[in-house]
């Protein structure tokens, strides 16, 4: 019957990137070689733009940037890009 080994490792302090892990037994026989890639956490996008009506001719556009991501605002009308 095969023996099993299980252990949790905390990789949270490693820099983002690719890592190679090798598992060997006491006789230095390679049992497994595995590559993992540590990527930045992704978060589901929340609404970042809201529009307020100032009057019948003017709108106010509010853009949230508290998450530090770069965003580009483009405004289109029926003809095409206007801003």
C-alpha atoms as a PDB file:
ATOM      1  CA  UNK A   1       0.000   0.000   0.000  1.00  0.00           C
ATOM      2  CA  UNK A   2       1.453   3.435  -0.950  1.00  0.00           C
ATOM      3  CA  UNK A   3       2.233   5.933   1.778  1.00  0.00           C
ATOM      4  CA  UNK A   4       0.755   9.406   1.537  1.00  0.00           C
ATOM      5  CA  UNK A   5       2.218  12.655   2.772  1.00  0.00           C
ATOM      6  CA  UNK A   6       0.265  15.874   3.072  1.00  0.00           C
ATOM      7  CA  UNK A   7       1.410  19.277   4.248  1.00  0.00           C
ATOM      8  CA  UNK A   8       0.154  22.821   3.680  1.00  0.00           C
ATOM      9  CA  UNK A   9       2.700  25.442   2.691  1.00  0.00           C
ATOM     10  CA  UNK A  10       2.125  29.173   2.995  1.00  0.00           C
ATOM     11  CA  UNK A  11       3.261  30.750  -0.289  1.00  0.00           C
ATOM     12  CA  UNK A  12       1.720  34.147   0.419  1.00  0.00           C
ATOM     13  CA  UNK A  13       5.099  35.833   1.024  1.00  0.00           C
ATOM     14  CA  UNK A  14       6.529  34.794  -2.347  1.00  0.00           C
ATOM     15  CA  UNK A  15       6.777  37.328  -5.151  1.00  0.00           C
ATOM     16  CA  UNK A  16       4.402  36.888  -8.096  1.00  0.00           C
ATOM     17  CA  UNK A  17       5.879  34.680 -10.819  1.00  0.00           C
ATOM     18  CA  UNK A  18       6.628  31.107 -11.855  1.00  0.00           C
ATOM     19  CA  UNK A  19       8.022  28.553  -9.415  1.00  0.00           C
ATOM     20  CA  UNK A  20       9.203  24.971  -9.854  1.00  0.00           C
ATOM     21  CA  UNK A  21       8.680  22.495  -7.026  1.00  0.00           C
ATOM     22  CA  UNK A  22      10.397  19.125  -6.870  1.00  0.00           C
ATOM     23  CA  UNK A  23       9.463  16.338  -4.486  1.00  0.00           C
ATOM     24  CA  UNK A  24      12.080  13.697  -3.710  1.00  0.00           C
ATOM     25  CA  UNK A  25      12.179  10.754  -1.353  1.00  0.00           C
ATOM     26  CA  UNK A  26      14.970   9.807   1.072  1.00  0.00           C
ATOM     27  CA  UNK A  27      16.904   8.054  -1.710  1.00  0.00           C
ATOM     28  CA  UNK A  28      16.798  11.245  -3.855  1.00  0.00           C
ATOM     29  CA  UNK A  29      14.419   9.710  -6.338  1.00  0.00           C
ATOM     30  CA  UNK A  30      12.332  12.424  -7.935  1.00  0.00           C
ATOM     31  CA  UNK A  31       8.678  11.668  -7.267  1.00  0.00           C
ATOM     32  CA  UNK A  32       7.146  14.769  -8.807  1.00  0.00           C
ATOM     33  CA  UNK A  33       8.106  18.006 -10.517  1.00  0.00           C
ATOM     34  CA  UNK A  34       5.446  20.671 -10.677  1.00  0.00           C
ATOM     35  CA  UNK A  35       5.355  24.248 -11.908  1.00  0.00           C
ATOM     36  CA  UNK A  36       2.972  26.762 -10.382  1.00  0.00           C
ATOM     37  CA  UNK A  37       2.323  30.352 -11.276  1.00  0.00           C
ATOM     38  CA  UNK A  38       1.517  32.889  -8.580  1.00  0.00           C
ATOM     39  CA  UNK A  39      -0.742  35.552 -10.051  1.00  0.00           C
ATOM     40  CA  UNK A  40      -2.195  38.730  -8.564  1.00  0.00           C
ATOM     41  CA  UNK A  41      -5.611  38.357  -7.001  1.00  0.00           C
ATOM     42  CA  UNK A  42      -8.472  39.319  -9.237  1.00  0.00           C
ATOM     43  CA  UNK A  43     -11.610  40.867  -7.945  1.00  0.00           C
ATOM     44  CA  UNK A  44     -15.008  41.043  -9.506  1.00  0.00           C
ATOM     45  CA  UNK A  45     -15.534  44.496 -10.924  1.00  0.00           C
ATOM     46  CA  UNK A  46     -17.896  46.732  -9.084  1.00  0.00           C
ATOM     47  CA  UNK A  47     -19.678  49.621 -10.715  1.00  0.00           C
ATOM     48  CA  UNK A  48     -17.104  52.371 -11.111  1.00  0.00           C
ATOM     49  CA  UNK A  49     -19.027  54.975 -13.104  1.00  0.00           C
ATOM     50  CA  UNK A  50     -22.235  56.713 -12.201  1.00  0.00           C
ATOM     51  CA  UNK A  51     -24.080  59.510 -13.933  1.00  0.00           C
ATOM     52  CA  UNK A  52     -26.003  62.308 -12.288  1.00  0.00           C
ATOM     53  CA  UNK A  53     -28.426  64.608 -14.096  1.00  0.00           C
ATOM     54  CA  UNK A  54     -27.635  68.238 -13.343  1.00  0.00           C
ATOM     55  CA  UNK A  55     -30.344  69.714 -15.562  1.00  0.00           C
ATOM     56  CA  UNK A  56     -31.956  69.062 -18.947  1.00  0.00           C
ATOM     57  CA  UNK A  57     -28.735  69.910 -20.808  1.00  0.00           C
ATOM     58  CA  UNK A  58     -26.017  68.664 -18.457  1.00  0.00           C
ATOM     59  CA  UNK A  59     -24.904  65.374 -16.943  1.00  0.00           C
ATOM     60  CA  UNK A  60     -22.234  64.750 -14.328  1.00  0.00           C
ATOM     61  CA  UNK A  61     -20.072  61.628 -14.695  1.00  0.00           C
ATOM     62  CA  UNK A  62     -18.437  60.223 -11.555  1.00  0.00           C
ATOM     63  CA  UNK A  63     -15.636  57.664 -11.851  1.00  0.00           C
ATOM     64  CA  UNK A  64     -14.366  55.692  -8.844  1.00  0.00           C
ATOM     65  CA  UNK A  65     -10.623  54.997  -8.731  1.00  0.00           C
ATOM     66  CA  UNK A  66     -10.222  53.900  -5.110  1.00  0.00           C
ATOM     67  CA  UNK A  67      -8.848  50.515  -6.235  1.00  0.00           C
ATOM     68  CA  UNK A  68      -5.923  52.258  -7.988  1.00  0.00           C
ATOM     69  CA  UNK A  69      -6.666  50.796 -11.429  1.00  0.00           C
ATOM     70  CA  UNK A  70      -6.168  53.024 -14.467  1.00  0.00           C
ATOM     71  CA  UNK A  71      -9.402  53.652 -16.304  1.00  0.00           C
ATOM     72  CA  UNK A  72     -10.127  55.471 -19.538  1.00  0.00           C
ATOM     73  CA  UNK A  73     -13.415  57.254 -20.087  1.00  0.00           C
ATOM     74  CA  UNK A  74     -14.739  57.448 -23.655  1.00  0.00           C
ATOM     75  CA  UNK A  75     -17.979  59.195 -24.520  1.00  0.00           C
ATOM     76  CA  UNK A  76     -19.855  58.370 -27.709  1.00  0.00           C
ATOM     77  CA  UNK A  77     -22.855  59.934 -29.367  1.00  0.00           C
ATOM     78  CA  UNK A  78     -24.800  58.677 -32.394  1.00  0.00           C
ATOM     79  CA  UNK A  79     -22.007  59.825 -34.722  1.00  0.00           C
ATOM     80  CA  UNK A  80     -19.070  58.323 -32.812  1.00  0.00           C
ATOM     81  CA  UNK A  81     -16.461  59.153 -30.220  1.00  0.00           C
ATOM     82  CA  UNK A  82     -16.820  62.692 -28.876  1.00  0.00           C
ATOM     83  CA  UNK A  83     -14.444  62.507 -25.919  1.00  0.00           C
END
